[in-house]
Amino acid sequence: MVNHRIPTSSSKETVAGIQVLRAFAVLVVTICHAQFEASRIGDLPGAMPSATVTGLAAFGVQLFFVISGFVMVYATEPLFGTRPGPFVFLERRLARIVPLYWIVTTFYLALTLLFTKFDKAYPASFVIASYLFIPAARPDGIIEPLVGQGWSLNFEMLFYVVFAVTVFWSRRMSATIVTVILLGSVAIGEVFRSQLPFVVMVWTSPILLYFVFGIWIGLVYRQGWRLTPVQGLTLIACGCVLLGVEFYWAPQSFFAGLAVWCIPPLFVVGASLPRLSLKGPFWSAVMVIGAASYALYLFHAVPIRTLFFFARWTGLDIGRAPLAYVSVSVIIAIALAIAIHYLIERPLLKALRWRGPEKTRQPYVDGFDKSAVISTPDLLARSVEERA
């Protein structure tokens, strides 16, 4: 495979493929959760095999982690080697992650307090841990915060803290130090897992290695290495083939284990390193979903469960068409997430930047500059430009 290296002096680069991957990852998670809720709440037949649903949902989160590693290297470029860099980095990450997560956590908590039919009671320590991104076990023993899908944010926040500490150094040194820390943490977890405190045991999970993959893909991108579109699409096709290997042809085998680790990086390399031309109404719509991916990830369970309870209340037999239920619930979840993104998430981000443009202005926005959305509708352009 031939690599093409280009100069890196210009900051104007297009990585809209990462935005598309965001949309793809969150849609995978949303569809799988809709399928899971149909089976869990309604005991309905599945539109997909349960093993496939579980594996695809895990793949979606792994893909998010690789994307996160890439974006942190790409978007932090102006901060590397600067004295205020770590503090500005953490400020932006907290502003980006915390408000919306606290809103949905408070919403879930209010439901459990107001409606006794949910039959859920959480100790104060668990609720506090959920707000502070600290791993904790629910009363039923499952290691998830109050908002179930928030378990991945516990790892994200750990990654942000580790990354922030290294922003004092150059880009390459930062990537190296973060890699050593995460690899060391995973090694400690593998060797001493049974002897570690619960929180440390969770935070030394091998899943941290997906951040490492993303960091080095981002570093390669920043160094100027590029692939042709054909090479990138070939890598993505290989990832798709390995998905089939993992789920159908080689379950519980060496090949399945290899696929688990190779698939997300293949997708990210294939989408980021080529200069893909993603123009037109379809790609604009996909990138809008990518812009609202965080809102969709946090809130998708609300319309999925609401639609099911509405169907049961009205007497609709959704068991006769589980695929229709999954499809409609996902469409509603997407619409809700886009509304939340424009009506709540973006205004919150603007409000949290009140301290002035000189400190908070960011030339790269979650890995995208203006060139990444050129020729797209104004609504999309504003959305991408204002993401932090």
Protein backbone atom coordinates (compact mmCIF):
# COMPACT_ATOMS: atom_id res chain seq x y z
CA MET A 1 0.00 0.00 0.00
CA VAL A 2 1.46 3.32 -1.08
CA ASN A 3 1.30 6.22 1.35
CA HIS A 4 1.28 9.82 0.15
CA ARG A 5 2.76 12.48 2.37
CA ILE A 6 1.76 16.10 2.02
CA PRO A 7 2.97 19.28 3.74
CA THR A 8 1.38 20.07 7.10
CA SER A 9 2.02 23.81 7.19
CA SER A 10 -1.60 24.61 6.40
CA SER A 11 -4.28 24.06 9.01
CA LYS A 12 -7.01 23.94 6.39
CA GLU A 13 -7.65 20.24 6.01
CA THR A 14 -10.80 18.28 5.41
CA VAL A 15 -11.58 15.35 7.72
CA ALA A 16 -15.31 15.18 7.18
CA GLY A 17 -14.94 11.39 7.03
CA ILE A 18 -14.56 11.44 10.82
CA GLN A 19 -17.86 13.26 11.15
CA VAL A 20 -19.50 10.61 8.98
CA LEU A 21 -17.95 7.90 11.17
CA ARG A 22 -19.44 9.61 14.21
CA ALA A 23 -22.86 9.37 12.62
CA PHE A 24 -22.26 5.74 11.68
CA ALA A 25 -21.07 4.78 15.18
CA VAL A 26 -23.97 6.42 16.99
CA LEU A 27 -26.52 4.95 14.57
CA VAL A 28 -25.07 1.47 15.15
CA VAL A 29 -25.43 1.93 18.91
CA THR A 30 -28.93 3.40 18.61
CA ILE A 31 -30.23 0.64 16.32
CA CYS A 32 -28.78 -2.07 18.55
CA HIS A 33 -30.28 -0.52 21.67
CA ALA A 34 -33.68 -0.27 19.99
CA GLN A 35 -33.45 -3.95 19.14
CA PHE A 36 -32.31 -4.74 22.69
CA GLU A 37 -35.15 -2.77 24.28
CA ALA A 38 -37.70 -4.56 22.10
CA SER A 39 -36.41 -7.87 23.39
CA ARG A 40 -35.86 -6.80 27.00
CA ILE A 41 -39.01 -4.81 27.72
CA GLY A 42 -41.47 -6.48 25.40
CA ASP A 43 -40.04 -9.96 25.03
CA LEU A 44 -40.40 -9.48 21.27
CA PRO A 45 -38.71 -11.42 18.50
CA GLY A 46 -35.52 -9.84 17.30
CA ALA A 47 -34.95 -8.21 13.95
CA MET A 48 -31.31 -9.33 14.31
CA PRO A 49 -29.64 -12.20 16.24
CA SER A 50 -28.94 -11.15 19.83
CA ALA A 51 -25.22 -11.99 19.56
CA THR A 52 -24.93 -9.73 16.54
CA VAL A 53 -26.71 -6.90 18.36
CA THR A 54 -24.38 -7.14 21.36
CA GLY A 55 -21.28 -7.29 19.16
CA LEU A 56 -22.33 -4.38 16.96
CA ALA A 57 -23.14 -2.19 19.96
CA ALA A 58 -19.69 -2.90 21.38
CA PHE A 59 -18.15 -2.13 18.00
CA GLY A 60 -19.94 1.24 17.92
CA VAL A 61 -18.44 2.24 21.28
CA GLN A 62 -14.98 0.98 20.28
CA LEU A 63 -15.22 3.07 17.14
CA PHE A 64 -16.11 6.11 19.25
CA PHE A 65 -13.00 5.56 21.38
CA VAL A 66 -10.69 5.39 18.35
CA ILE A 67 -12.35 8.53 16.94
CA SER A 68 -11.87 10.26 20.30
CA GLY A 69 -8.15 9.49 20.33
CA PHE A 70 -7.81 10.83 16.78
CA VAL A 71 -9.78 13.99 17.49
CA MET A 72 -7.86 14.83 20.67
CA VAL A 73 -4.56 14.82 18.76
CA TYR A 74 -5.97 16.71 15.80
CA ALA A 75 -7.99 19.34 17.64
CA THR A 76 -5.41 20.03 20.36
CA GLU A 77 -2.73 21.11 17.87
CA PRO A 78 -2.69 24.82 18.94
CA LEU A 79 -2.34 23.85 22.63
CA PHE A 80 0.61 21.44 22.51
CA GLY A 81 3.70 22.83 24.19
CA THR A 82 1.88 25.80 25.77
CA ARG A 83 1.65 26.60 29.46
CA PRO A 84 -2.15 27.07 29.63
CA GLY A 85 -2.71 24.17 27.22
CA PRO A 86 -3.76 21.51 29.77
CA PHE A 87 -6.20 23.84 31.52
CA VAL A 88 -7.76 25.11 28.31
CA PHE A 89 -8.02 21.54 27.04
CA LEU A 90 -9.82 20.32 30.17
CA GLU A 91 -12.08 23.36 30.21
CA ARG A 92 -13.22 22.66 26.66
CA ARG A 93 -13.71 18.95 27.28
CA LEU A 94 -15.75 19.55 30.44
CA ALA A 95 -17.87 22.16 28.70
CA ARG A 96 -18.46 19.75 25.86
CA ILE A 97 -19.30 16.64 27.91
CA VAL A 98 -20.65 17.55 31.33
CA PRO A 99 -23.73 19.79 30.86
CA LEU A 100 -25.71 17.52 28.54
CA TYR A 101 -24.75 14.43 30.51
CA TRP A 102 -25.87 16.01 33.77
CA ILE A 103 -29.16 17.02 32.16
CA VAL A 104 -29.99 13.48 31.04
CA THR A 105 -28.77 12.03 34.36
CA THR A 106 -31.04 14.41 36.28
CA PHE A 107 -33.92 13.49 33.96
CA TYR A 108 -33.43 9.77 34.65
CA LEU A 109 -33.12 10.40 38.38
CA ALA A 110 -36.32 12.45 38.40
CA LEU A 111 -38.19 9.63 36.65
CA THR A 112 -37.13 7.11 39.29
CA LEU A 113 -38.23 9.46 42.08
CA LEU A 114 -41.54 10.52 40.54
CA PHE A 115 -42.78 7.20 39.17
CA THR A 116 -42.70 4.33 41.62
CA LYS A 117 -43.71 1.84 38.92
CA PHE A 118 -40.14 1.95 37.66
CA ASP A 119 -39.30 0.15 40.91
CA LYS A 120 -35.79 1.53 41.07
CA ALA A 121 -33.95 2.92 44.07
CA TYR A 122 -30.35 4.07 43.99
CA PRO A 123 -28.09 4.83 46.97
CA ALA A 124 -26.71 8.35 47.20
CA SER A 125 -23.16 7.11 46.64
CA PHE A 126 -24.18 5.58 43.31
CA VAL A 127 -25.96 8.75 42.18
CA ILE A 128 -22.93 10.90 43.07
CA ALA A 129 -20.62 8.50 41.23
CA SER A 130 -22.89 8.72 38.19
CA TYR A 131 -22.60 12.51 38.12
CA LEU A 132 -18.82 12.45 38.63
CA PHE A 133 -18.00 9.83 35.96
CA ILE A 134 -16.73 7.34 38.54
CA PRO A 135 -17.39 3.65 37.82
CA ALA A 136 -19.91 2.14 40.23
CA ALA A 137 -22.12 -0.92 40.33
CA ARG A 138 -25.88 -0.52 40.27
CA PRO A 139 -27.94 -2.32 42.94
CA ASP A 140 -28.40 -5.20 40.48
CA GLY A 141 -24.62 -5.55 40.16
CA ILE A 142 -24.26 -4.16 36.62
CA ILE A 143 -21.35 -1.71 36.32
CA GLU A 144 -23.18 1.20 34.73
CA PRO A 145 -24.09 4.73 35.84
CA LEU A 146 -27.67 5.91 36.19
CA VAL A 147 -27.70 6.57 32.44
CA GLY A 148 -26.62 3.15 31.23
CA GLN A 149 -24.77 4.21 28.10
CA GLY A 150 -22.79 6.68 30.21
CA TRP A 151 -20.41 3.86 31.15
CA SER A 152 -18.29 4.77 28.13
CA LEU A 153 -17.99 8.37 29.37
CA ASN A 154 -16.27 7.07 32.50
CA PHE A 155 -13.44 5.93 30.23
CA GLU A 156 -13.62 9.09 28.11
CA MET A 157 -13.14 11.33 31.12
CA LEU A 158 -10.23 9.25 32.35
CA PHE A 159 -8.64 9.56 28.92
CA TYR A 160 -9.17 13.34 28.90
CA VAL A 161 -7.46 13.75 32.27
CA VAL A 162 -4.46 11.65 31.20
CA PHE A 163 -4.24 13.50 27.90
CA ALA A 164 -4.52 16.92 29.55
CA VAL A 165 -1.50 16.24 31.75
CA THR A 166 0.66 15.70 28.66
CA VAL A 167 -0.39 18.76 26.64
CA PHE A 168 2.57 20.65 28.16
CA TRP A 169 4.79 18.70 25.76
CA SER A 170 4.95 18.53 21.98
CA ARG A 171 2.40 16.59 19.97
CA ARG A 172 4.62 13.54 19.49
CA MET A 173 5.85 13.50 23.08
CA SER A 174 2.27 13.84 24.33
CA ALA A 175 1.15 10.90 22.21
CA THR A 176 4.06 8.80 23.46
CA ILE A 177 3.45 9.57 27.14
CA VAL A 178 -0.30 8.92 26.92
CA THR A 179 0.42 5.63 25.16
CA VAL A 180 2.87 4.54 27.86
CA ILE A 181 0.42 5.48 30.62
CA LEU A 182 -2.52 3.66 29.06
CA LEU A 183 -0.49 0.59 28.10
CA GLY A 184 0.96 0.48 31.60
CA SER A 185 -2.49 0.80 33.15
CA VAL A 186 -3.84 -2.07 31.06
CA ALA A 187 -0.80 -4.21 31.91
CA ILE A 188 -1.28 -3.55 35.63
CA GLY A 189 -4.95 -4.42 35.31
CA GLU A 190 -4.21 -7.69 33.53
CA VAL A 191 -1.57 -8.78 36.06
CA PHE A 192 -3.12 -7.58 39.32
CA ARG A 193 -6.82 -7.41 38.47
CA SER A 194 -8.05 -9.48 41.42
CA GLN A 195 -6.01 -7.38 43.87
CA LEU A 196 -7.02 -3.93 42.62
CA PRO A 197 -9.71 -1.70 44.12
CA PHE A 198 -12.95 -1.81 42.17
CA VAL A 199 -12.58 1.59 40.48
CA VAL A 200 -8.97 0.94 39.46
CA MET A 201 -9.93 -2.50 38.17
CA VAL A 202 -12.53 -0.93 35.86
CA TRP A 203 -10.25 1.90 34.74
CA THR A 204 -7.50 -0.53 33.69
CA SER A 205 -9.70 -2.31 31.17
CA PRO A 206 -8.10 -3.26 27.81
CA ILE A 207 -10.74 -1.09 26.13
CA LEU A 208 -8.39 1.85 26.83
CA LEU A 209 -6.21 0.59 23.99
CA TYR A 210 -8.71 1.88 21.44
CA PHE A 211 -7.79 5.43 22.51
CA VAL A 212 -4.16 4.55 21.78
CA PHE A 213 -5.07 3.44 18.25
CA GLY A 214 -6.83 6.76 17.68
CA ILE A 215 -3.95 8.80 19.08
CA TRP A 216 -1.46 7.31 16.65
CA ILE A 217 -3.80 7.57 13.69
CA GLY A 218 -4.21 11.24 14.59
CA LEU A 219 -0.44 11.64 14.87
CA VAL A 220 0.08 10.05 11.46
CA TYR A 221 -2.56 12.37 10.05
CA ARG A 222 -0.86 15.40 11.59
CA GLN A 223 2.47 14.26 10.20
CA GLY A 224 0.95 14.60 6.75
CA TRP A 225 0.56 10.98 5.65
CA ARG A 226 -2.35 10.35 3.30
CA LEU A 227 -3.99 7.49 1.43
CA THR A 228 -5.81 7.58 -1.86
CA PRO A 229 -9.61 7.29 -1.74
CA VAL A 230 -9.36 3.78 -3.20
CA GLN A 231 -6.96 2.71 -0.46
CA GLY A 232 -9.18 4.21 2.23
CA LEU A 233 -12.31 2.54 0.92
CA THR A 234 -10.41 -0.74 0.67
CA LEU A 235 -9.52 -0.55 4.35
CA ILE A 236 -13.15 0.15 5.25
CA ALA A 237 -14.22 -2.82 3.10
CA CYS A 238 -11.70 -4.99 4.96
CA GLY A 239 -13.26 -3.80 8.21
CA CYS A 240 -16.69 -4.83 6.98
CA VAL A 241 -15.38 -8.28 6.03
CA LEU A 242 -13.83 -8.69 9.46
CA LEU A 243 -17.18 -7.81 11.03
CA GLY A 244 -18.63 -10.78 9.21
CA VAL A 245 -15.72 -12.93 10.37
CA GLU A 246 -16.30 -11.86 13.96
CA PHE A 247 -20.04 -12.50 14.05
CA TYR A 248 -20.66 -15.38 11.71
CA TRP A 249 -17.63 -17.25 10.39
CA ALA A 250 -15.23 -17.47 13.31
CA PRO A 251 -16.96 -16.92 16.66
CA GLN A 252 -14.75 -17.47 19.72
CA SER A 253 -11.68 -18.00 17.54
CA PHE A 254 -8.35 -16.31 17.01
CA PHE A 255 -9.72 -14.56 13.93
CA ALA A 256 -12.68 -13.17 15.85
CA GLY A 257 -10.34 -11.82 18.53
CA LEU A 258 -8.14 -10.24 15.88
CA ALA A 259 -11.18 -8.68 14.23
CA VAL A 260 -12.31 -7.07 17.48
CA TRP A 261 -9.07 -5.08 17.69
CA CYS A 262 -8.55 -4.38 13.98
CA ILE A 263 -12.00 -3.28 12.82
CA PRO A 264 -12.37 0.17 14.49
CA PRO A 265 -8.85 1.37 13.55
CA LEU A 266 -9.38 0.19 9.96
CA PHE A 267 -12.55 2.28 9.72
CA VAL A 268 -10.90 5.38 11.19
CA VAL A 269 -7.79 5.11 8.99
CA GLY A 270 -9.94 4.51 5.92
CA ALA A 271 -12.17 7.50 6.65
CA SER A 272 -9.57 10.02 7.84
CA LEU A 273 -6.37 9.63 5.81
CA PRO A 274 -7.83 9.88 2.29
CA ARG A 275 -9.20 13.16 0.96
CA LEU A 276 -12.75 11.94 0.48
CA SER A 277 -15.18 14.19 -1.37
CA LEU A 278 -18.35 14.12 0.70
CA LYS A 279 -20.69 16.64 -0.87
CA GLY A 280 -24.38 16.78 -1.61
CA PRO A 281 -27.62 16.55 0.40
CA PHE A 282 -27.04 12.98 1.58
CA TRP A 283 -23.63 13.62 3.11
CA SER A 284 -24.85 16.92 4.54
CA ALA A 285 -27.64 15.08 6.34
CA VAL A 286 -25.22 12.43 7.60
CA MET A 287 -22.88 15.11 8.95
CA VAL A 288 -25.79 16.76 10.76
CA ILE A 289 -26.35 13.44 12.53
CA GLY A 290 -22.63 13.35 13.27
CA ALA A 291 -22.84 16.84 14.76
CA ALA A 292 -25.70 15.68 16.99
CA SER A 293 -24.06 12.33 17.77
CA TYR A 294 -23.43 13.12 21.45
CA ALA A 295 -27.04 14.12 22.02
CA LEU A 296 -28.22 11.03 20.15
CA TYR A 297 -25.93 8.78 22.18
CA LEU A 298 -27.22 10.15 25.48
CA PHE A 299 -30.93 10.51 24.71
CA HIS A 300 -31.78 7.74 22.24
CA ALA A 301 -33.18 5.42 24.92
CA VAL A 302 -35.92 7.93 25.80
CA PRO A 303 -37.90 7.77 22.51
CA ILE A 304 -37.14 4.06 22.10
CA ARG A 305 -38.76 3.19 25.45
CA THR A 306 -41.47 5.82 25.14
CA LEU A 307 -42.61 4.43 21.80
CA PHE A 308 -42.82 0.93 23.26
CA PHE A 309 -44.93 2.03 26.24
CA PHE A 310 -47.14 4.10 23.94
CA ALA A 311 -47.70 1.07 21.72
CA ARG A 312 -48.60 -1.07 24.74
CA TRP A 313 -50.95 1.61 26.07
CA THR A 314 -52.76 1.90 22.74
CA GLY A 315 -52.87 -1.84 22.16
CA LEU A 316 -50.62 -1.88 19.11
CA ASP A 317 -49.04 -5.25 18.48
CA ILE A 318 -45.51 -4.24 17.59
CA GLY A 319 -44.46 -7.85 18.05
CA ARG A 320 -45.80 -8.50 14.57
CA ALA A 321 -43.33 -6.04 13.08
CA PRO A 322 -40.26 -5.60 15.32
CA LEU A 323 -38.24 -4.18 12.44
CA ALA A 324 -40.82 -1.43 11.97
CA TYR A 325 -40.66 -0.63 15.69
CA VAL A 326 -36.86 -0.42 15.58
CA SER A 327 -36.93 1.75 12.45
CA VAL A 328 -39.55 4.21 13.72
CA SER A 329 -37.95 4.52 17.16
CA VAL A 330 -34.54 5.23 15.62
CA ILE A 331 -35.99 7.90 13.32
CA ILE A 332 -37.70 9.59 16.27
CA ALA A 333 -34.48 9.38 18.30
CA ILE A 334 -32.54 11.07 15.49
CA ALA A 335 -35.09 13.88 15.24
CA LEU A 336 -35.05 14.39 19.01
CA ALA A 337 -31.24 14.44 19.12
CA ILE A 338 -31.00 17.05 16.35
CA ALA A 339 -33.54 19.22 18.19
CA ILE A 340 -31.59 18.86 21.45
CA HIS A 341 -28.35 19.68 19.67
CA TYR A 342 -29.66 22.95 18.20
CA LEU A 343 -31.97 24.04 21.02
CA ILE A 344 -30.00 22.95 24.10
CA GLU A 345 -26.48 21.71 23.39
CA ARG A 346 -25.26 24.57 21.19
CA PRO A 347 -26.76 27.35 23.37
CA LEU A 348 -25.14 25.75 26.42
CA LEU A 349 -21.76 25.68 24.70
CA LYS A 350 -22.12 29.34 23.77
CA ALA A 351 -23.09 30.26 27.32
CA LEU A 352 -20.07 28.45 28.72
CA ARG A 353 -17.77 30.54 26.52
CA TRP A 354 -18.65 33.81 28.22
CA ARG A 355 -15.08 34.46 29.37
CA GLY A 356 -14.08 35.84 26.03
CA PRO A 357 -13.06 34.67 22.59
CA GLU A 358 -9.30 34.93 23.09
CA LYS A 359 -9.25 32.10 25.62
CA THR A 360 -11.92 29.85 24.26
CA ARG A 361 -11.72 30.32 20.50
CA GLN A 362 -10.60 27.11 18.88
CA PRO A 363 -9.39 27.00 15.26
CA TYR A 364 -10.15 23.29 15.09
CA VAL A 365 -13.56 22.17 16.22
CA ASP A 366 -13.67 18.54 17.33
CA GLY A 367 -11.31 17.74 14.50
CA PHE A 368 -13.00 19.84 11.82
CA ASP A 369 -12.29 23.23 10.30
CA LYS A 370 -14.46 25.18 7.90
CA SER A 371 -13.06 23.36 4.89
CA ALA A 372 -14.57 20.14 6.21
CA VAL A 373 -18.08 21.42 5.61
CA ILE A 374 -17.59 23.63 2.57
CA SER A 375 -20.49 23.54 0.09
CA THR A 376 -22.87 22.27 2.77
CA PRO A 377 -25.97 24.09 4.02
CA ASP A 378 -25.49 26.99 6.41
CA LEU A 379 -27.26 25.06 9.16
CA LEU A 380 -24.66 22.31 9.01
CA ALA A 381 -21.74 24.71 8.70
CA ARG A 382 -22.78 26.60 11.82
CA SER A 383 -23.24 23.34 13.68
CA VAL A 384 -19.78 22.02 12.92
CA GLU A 385 -18.07 25.34 13.52
CA GLU A 386 -19.60 25.72 16.96
CA ARG A 387 -18.89 22.25 18.31
CA ALA A 388 -16.18 22.30 20.95
